[in-house]
Amino acid sequence: MLHGYTPPHRFLPYLSWTDVDALPDRENTVVVLPCGAIEQHGPHLPCSVDSVISAGVIGRALALLPADIPAFAMAPITYGKSEEHLHFPGTMTLTGTTLLATIVEIGESVYRSGFRKLVFANGHGGQPQVLEMAARELRLRHGDFVVIPHGVSRLPNASSKQVSEQEKKLAMHAGHSETALMLALAPDTVHMERAVAAMPPVFPISLLSPDGRPACAWTARDFGPTGIIGDPTTATAEQGVEILETLAASWVQVLTELHALRWVVRPEATWERGHHTGFVQTAAGLAAPA
């Protein structure tokens, strides 16, 4: 079914328009858009990793969220900006311009539906800047819109205690943590017998990169033919479950606090944005049945 990892009662597209219109306190109801990608993740993982992880983590968090906290997930964005993986078959990419326009237009739809709190839960490292640009554009248009772009795995979780110091410093793609999470979320898609380690060279200019990660632009093919940038070989399903549960617990806290958040409201309209407002039907305006 379309809701995937999200509990059906927390899946916004399953509501009718009159259900949405009848939601109490839509202004403080949190809407989450999982943002992923379809791109190579080495020989051992499917191309859907980023989409699975973003939807899976948010879905688990919504399953654990207390019933009195109103929050919903949208259907995930499964295509992202993935040009750094174009050398590998199976990579499907949008341009940054197309992704930016798509995210902004979805955000406009969320706002038009009466919601004022939106989270972009991003599972792909190649597009946070685009999501940040979309969030800023939406805030410019609407002074009462709280839009938060954030990496779905960039909250406290168990992964840091599971990996080596080298993995912490240099791994970026298809390494231990992503592999462990996929073993927990979609084990039938993982082929551990194909997993190998591949690390980038340490970047030699410490002022630009204290941890040694590449400070220059890169593509996955720059670091070898497998597409892996990390060491997935020791990942286990048990480790993935631990990462998933700790990440979900962190997101439960974030969603709870975001629901309670009362943020700055800018009352004046932003210049040249008037065409983004208009009439929206309400259920109260429907004629009573004869």
Protein backbone atom coordinates (compact mmCIF):
# COMPACT_ATOMS: atom_id res chain seq x y z
CA MET A 1 0.00 0.00 0.00
CA LEU A 2 0.99 3.59 -0.55
CA HIS A 3 1.59 4.38 3.13
CA GLY A 4 4.58 2.01 3.26
CA TYR A 5 6.27 2.27 6.67
CA THR A 6 3.87 4.95 7.96
CA PRO A 7 0.89 3.89 10.13
CA PRO A 8 -2.23 4.39 7.97
CA HIS A 9 -3.83 6.78 10.46
CA ARG A 10 -0.71 9.00 10.26
CA PHE A 11 -0.63 9.10 6.44
CA LEU A 12 -1.97 12.44 5.20
CA PRO A 13 -3.00 11.27 1.68
CA TYR A 14 -5.46 8.81 3.22
CA LEU A 15 -7.58 11.68 4.54
CA SER A 16 -10.36 13.14 2.42
CA TRP A 17 -10.35 16.87 1.82
CA THR A 18 -13.19 17.27 4.31
CA ASP A 19 -11.16 15.28 6.86
CA VAL A 20 -8.27 17.68 6.36
CA ASP A 21 -10.56 20.68 6.63
CA ALA A 22 -11.99 19.33 9.91
CA LEU A 23 -8.63 18.75 11.58
CA PRO A 24 -8.40 20.81 14.78
CA ASP A 25 -5.47 23.21 15.13
CA ARG A 26 -4.04 22.61 11.68
CA GLU A 27 -1.63 25.49 12.35
CA ASN A 28 0.26 23.35 14.88
CA THR A 29 -0.17 19.98 13.22
CA VAL A 30 3.21 18.79 11.95
CA VAL A 31 3.49 17.56 8.36
CA VAL A 32 6.58 15.57 7.39
CA LEU A 33 7.78 15.08 3.82
CA PRO A 34 10.37 12.27 3.59
CA CYS A 35 12.84 13.17 0.85
CA GLY A 36 14.92 10.43 -0.72
CA ALA A 37 16.60 9.48 -3.98
CA ILE A 38 17.02 6.59 -6.41
CA GLU A 39 20.75 6.16 -6.92
CA GLN A 40 23.43 3.51 -6.80
CA HIS A 41 24.52 2.31 -3.35
CA GLY A 42 27.20 -0.18 -4.28
CA PRO A 43 26.72 -3.77 -5.44
CA HIS A 44 25.20 -4.88 -2.13
CA LEU A 45 22.38 -2.35 -1.65
CA PRO A 46 19.38 -1.36 -3.80
CA CYS A 47 19.18 2.02 -5.48
CA SER A 48 16.23 2.94 -3.24
CA VAL A 49 18.28 3.23 -0.01
CA ASP A 50 17.75 6.95 0.65
CA SER A 51 14.02 6.74 -0.01
CA VAL A 52 13.59 3.65 2.14
CA ILE A 53 15.54 5.10 5.07
CA SER A 54 13.82 8.50 5.07
CA ALA A 55 10.35 6.93 4.87
CA GLY A 56 11.24 4.09 7.25
CA VAL A 57 12.65 6.26 10.03
CA ILE A 58 9.77 8.75 9.90
CA GLY A 59 7.23 5.96 9.71
CA ARG A 60 8.70 4.32 12.81
CA ALA A 61 8.72 7.64 14.66
CA LEU A 62 5.07 8.26 13.83
CA ALA A 63 4.22 4.77 15.07
CA LEU A 64 5.80 5.65 18.43
CA LEU A 65 4.44 9.22 18.64
CA PRO A 66 1.86 9.73 21.40
CA ALA A 67 -1.68 9.80 20.04
CA ASP A 68 -2.31 13.32 21.31
CA ILE A 69 0.46 14.83 19.14
CA PRO A 70 -1.03 15.63 15.71
CA ALA A 71 1.45 14.78 12.96
CA PHE A 72 1.25 13.21 9.53
CA ALA A 73 3.64 11.96 6.87
CA MET A 74 3.18 12.70 3.21
CA ALA A 75 4.04 10.28 0.42
CA PRO A 76 7.84 10.46 0.11
CA ILE A 77 9.72 12.20 -2.66
CA THR A 78 11.59 9.20 -4.09
CA TYR A 79 13.57 11.00 -6.79
CA GLY A 80 16.25 13.50 -5.84
CA LYS A 81 19.29 15.37 -7.10
CA SER A 82 21.84 12.59 -7.65
CA GLU A 83 24.27 13.77 -10.34
CA GLU A 84 27.29 12.61 -8.31
CA HIS A 85 26.23 9.03 -9.07
CA LEU A 86 25.56 9.38 -12.81
CA HIS A 87 28.42 7.05 -13.71
CA PHE A 88 26.42 4.08 -12.36
CA PRO A 89 23.38 2.39 -13.93
CA GLY A 90 20.19 2.62 -11.92
CA THR A 91 20.75 6.19 -10.81
CA MET A 92 17.70 8.34 -11.55
CA THR A 93 18.13 12.06 -11.01
CA LEU A 94 16.33 15.36 -11.17
CA THR A 95 18.19 18.59 -11.76
CA GLY A 96 18.52 20.89 -8.80
CA THR A 97 16.14 23.33 -10.50
CA THR A 98 13.46 20.68 -10.95
CA LEU A 99 13.77 19.41 -7.39
CA LEU A 100 13.66 22.95 -5.99
CA ALA A 101 10.51 23.76 -7.95
CA THR A 102 8.90 20.47 -6.92
CA ILE A 103 9.60 20.95 -3.21
CA VAL A 104 8.41 24.57 -3.24
CA GLU A 105 5.17 23.64 -5.00
CA ILE A 106 4.50 20.81 -2.54
CA GLY A 107 5.18 23.24 0.29
CA GLU A 108 2.68 25.68 -1.23
CA SER A 109 0.09 22.90 -1.30
CA VAL A 110 0.73 22.13 2.37
CA TYR A 111 0.30 25.81 3.25
CA ARG A 112 -2.83 26.17 1.12
CA SER A 113 -4.31 23.20 3.02
CA GLY A 114 -4.06 25.15 6.26
CA PHE A 115 -0.91 23.63 7.77
CA ARG A 116 1.84 25.89 9.09
CA LYS A 117 4.54 23.41 10.21
CA LEU A 118 6.42 21.38 7.61
CA VAL A 119 9.53 19.20 7.92
CA PHE A 120 11.66 18.02 5.02
CA ALA A 121 13.19 14.79 6.40
CA ASN A 122 16.07 14.28 3.99
CA GLY A 123 17.73 10.91 3.40
CA HIS A 124 20.14 11.92 0.62
CA GLY A 125 23.42 13.78 1.19
CA GLY A 126 23.46 15.31 -2.29
CA GLN A 127 20.50 17.65 -1.84
CA PRO A 128 20.35 19.40 1.57
CA GLN A 129 21.23 22.74 -0.02
CA VAL A 130 18.25 22.47 -2.39
CA LEU A 131 15.89 21.73 0.51
CA GLU A 132 17.32 24.64 2.48
CA MET A 133 16.70 26.93 -0.50
CA ALA A 134 13.11 25.67 -0.77
CA ALA A 135 12.51 26.21 2.94
CA ARG A 136 13.81 29.80 2.73
CA GLU A 137 11.67 30.55 -0.32
CA LEU A 138 8.55 29.27 1.44
CA ARG A 139 9.33 31.34 4.53
CA LEU A 140 9.81 34.43 2.37
CA ARG A 141 6.40 33.87 0.83
CA HIS A 142 4.61 33.14 4.10
CA GLY A 143 5.57 34.83 7.35
CA ASP A 144 3.67 32.31 9.48
CA PHE A 145 5.15 29.17 7.88
CA VAL A 146 7.64 27.11 9.92
CA VAL A 147 9.65 25.01 7.44
CA ILE A 148 12.49 22.82 8.69
CA PRO A 149 14.90 20.96 6.38
CA HIS A 150 16.86 18.32 8.30
CA GLY A 151 18.76 15.12 7.60
CA VAL A 152 16.69 12.16 8.71
CA SER A 153 19.76 10.46 10.24
CA ARG A 154 21.27 13.64 11.72
CA LEU A 155 19.69 13.26 15.14
CA PRO A 156 21.16 11.37 18.13
CA ASN A 157 21.26 7.63 17.44
CA ALA A 158 23.29 4.50 18.09
CA SER A 159 25.37 4.52 14.91
CA SER A 160 28.35 6.40 16.35
CA LYS A 161 29.12 3.67 18.85
CA GLN A 162 29.02 0.94 16.20
CA VAL A 163 31.60 2.18 13.70
CA SER A 164 35.36 2.73 13.57
CA GLU A 165 36.99 6.13 13.79
CA GLN A 166 37.88 5.89 10.11
CA GLU A 167 34.23 5.26 9.23
CA LYS A 168 33.14 8.23 11.33
CA LYS A 169 35.58 10.54 9.57
CA LEU A 170 35.50 9.40 5.95
CA ALA A 171 32.43 7.26 5.19
CA MET A 172 29.79 9.01 3.10
CA HIS A 173 27.81 6.50 1.07
CA ALA A 174 26.64 2.87 1.28
CA GLY A 175 28.76 2.28 4.37
CA HIS A 176 28.05 0.66 7.72
CA SER A 177 25.07 2.66 8.96
CA GLU A 178 23.08 2.70 5.72
CA THR A 179 23.70 -1.00 5.28
CA ALA A 180 22.63 -1.79 8.85
CA LEU A 181 19.46 0.28 8.46
CA MET A 182 18.59 -1.50 5.22
CA LEU A 183 19.12 -4.86 6.92
CA ALA A 184 16.52 -3.71 9.45
CA LEU A 185 14.06 -2.10 7.03
CA ALA A 186 14.34 -4.11 3.80
CA PRO A 187 16.57 -7.15 4.40
CA ASP A 188 15.49 -8.94 1.22
CA THR A 189 17.13 -6.20 -0.85
CA VAL A 190 20.58 -6.48 0.77
CA HIS A 191 23.35 -8.78 -0.55
CA MET A 192 26.06 -8.81 2.10
CA GLU A 193 28.18 -11.26 0.09
CA ARG A 194 28.83 -8.38 -2.35
CA ALA A 195 29.78 -5.82 0.30
CA VAL A 196 33.32 -4.39 0.21
CA ALA A 197 35.07 -1.50 1.90
CA ALA A 198 36.21 1.55 -0.08
CA MET A 199 37.40 4.77 1.54
CA PRO A 200 38.38 8.08 -0.07
CA PRO A 201 41.90 9.40 0.45
CA VAL A 202 42.35 11.82 3.33
CA PHE A 203 42.10 15.39 2.06
CA PRO A 204 45.51 16.91 2.73
CA ILE A 205 44.53 20.53 3.54
CA SER A 206 43.57 20.44 7.20
CA LEU A 207 42.34 24.04 7.35
CA LEU A 208 39.73 23.18 4.73
CA SER A 209 38.92 19.75 6.14
CA PRO A 210 39.92 18.99 9.76
CA ASP A 211 38.46 15.47 9.58
CA GLY A 212 39.98 14.62 6.19
CA ARG A 213 36.76 14.45 4.18
CA PRO A 214 37.04 15.77 0.62
CA ALA A 215 36.75 19.55 0.63
CA CYS A 216 36.59 19.69 -3.15
CA ALA A 217 33.66 18.65 -5.32
CA TRP A 218 33.56 14.91 -5.97
CA THR A 219 31.65 12.14 -7.68
CA ALA A 220 31.28 8.62 -6.35
CA ARG A 221 33.34 7.24 -9.25
CA ASP A 222 36.34 9.33 -8.07
CA PHE A 223 36.82 6.86 -5.21
CA GLY A 224 36.61 3.58 -7.09
CA PRO A 225 34.41 1.43 -9.30
CA THR A 226 32.07 -0.01 -6.62
CA GLY A 227 30.23 3.20 -5.72
CA ILE A 228 30.82 2.52 -2.01
CA ILE A 229 32.40 5.20 0.19
CA GLY A 230 32.72 3.49 3.57
CA ASP A 231 32.89 0.03 5.11
CA PRO A 232 29.62 -1.92 5.10
CA THR A 233 31.19 -5.33 5.69
CA THR A 234 30.50 -5.61 9.44
CA ALA A 235 26.93 -4.27 9.46
CA THR A 236 24.21 -6.45 10.99
CA ALA A 237 20.43 -6.34 11.19
CA GLU A 238 20.62 -6.06 14.99
CA GLN A 239 22.72 -2.93 14.65
CA GLY A 240 20.23 -1.57 12.14
CA VAL A 241 17.32 -2.11 14.52
CA GLU A 242 19.23 -0.27 17.23
CA ILE A 243 19.94 2.67 14.90
CA LEU A 244 16.31 2.72 13.71
CA GLU A 245 14.84 2.69 17.20
CA THR A 246 17.17 5.37 18.55
CA LEU A 247 16.63 7.58 15.51
CA ALA A 248 12.87 7.15 15.79
CA ALA A 249 12.98 8.08 19.48
CA SER A 250 14.86 11.28 18.60
CA TRP A 251 12.28 12.13 15.95
CA VAL A 252 9.46 11.54 18.43
CA GLN A 253 11.05 14.19 20.64
CA VAL A 254 11.48 16.58 17.71
CA LEU A 255 7.89 16.18 16.48
CA THR A 256 6.54 16.62 20.00
CA GLU A 257 8.54 19.80 20.56
CA LEU A 258 7.74 21.13 17.10
CA HIS A 259 4.03 20.70 17.77
CA ALA A 260 4.45 22.79 20.93
CA LEU A 261 6.64 25.40 19.21
CA ARG A 262 5.28 28.93 18.87
CA TRP A 263 7.57 30.73 16.43
CA VAL A 264 7.93 34.27 15.13
CA VAL A 265 5.05 35.39 12.89
CA ARG A 266 5.82 38.04 10.30
CA PRO A 267 2.50 39.73 9.51
CA GLU A 268 3.37 41.69 6.38
CA ALA A 269 3.13 40.14 2.95
CA THR A 270 6.40 39.58 1.13
CA TRP A 271 6.75 41.69 -2.01
CA GLU A 272 5.49 40.27 -5.31
CA ARG A 273 4.05 37.15 -3.67
CA GLY A 274 0.37 38.05 -3.66
CA HIS A 275 -0.42 35.55 -6.41
CA HIS A 276 0.25 32.73 -3.94
CA THR A 277 -2.95 33.45 -1.99
CA GLY A 278 -6.55 32.75 -2.95
CA PHE A 279 -9.86 31.13 -2.13
CA VAL A 280 -9.92 27.64 -0.58
CA GLN A 281 -13.20 25.78 -0.05
CA THR A 282 -14.19 24.77 3.48
CA ALA A 283 -16.50 21.99 4.55
CA ALA A 284 -18.54 24.53 6.50
CA GLY A 285 -19.51 26.07 3.18
CA LEU A 286 -21.14 22.92 1.82
CA ALA A 287 -24.91 22.97 1.52
CA ALA A 288 -26.76 20.60 3.81
CA PRO A 289 -28.01 17.48 1.98
CA ALA A 290 -31.62 17.73 0.85
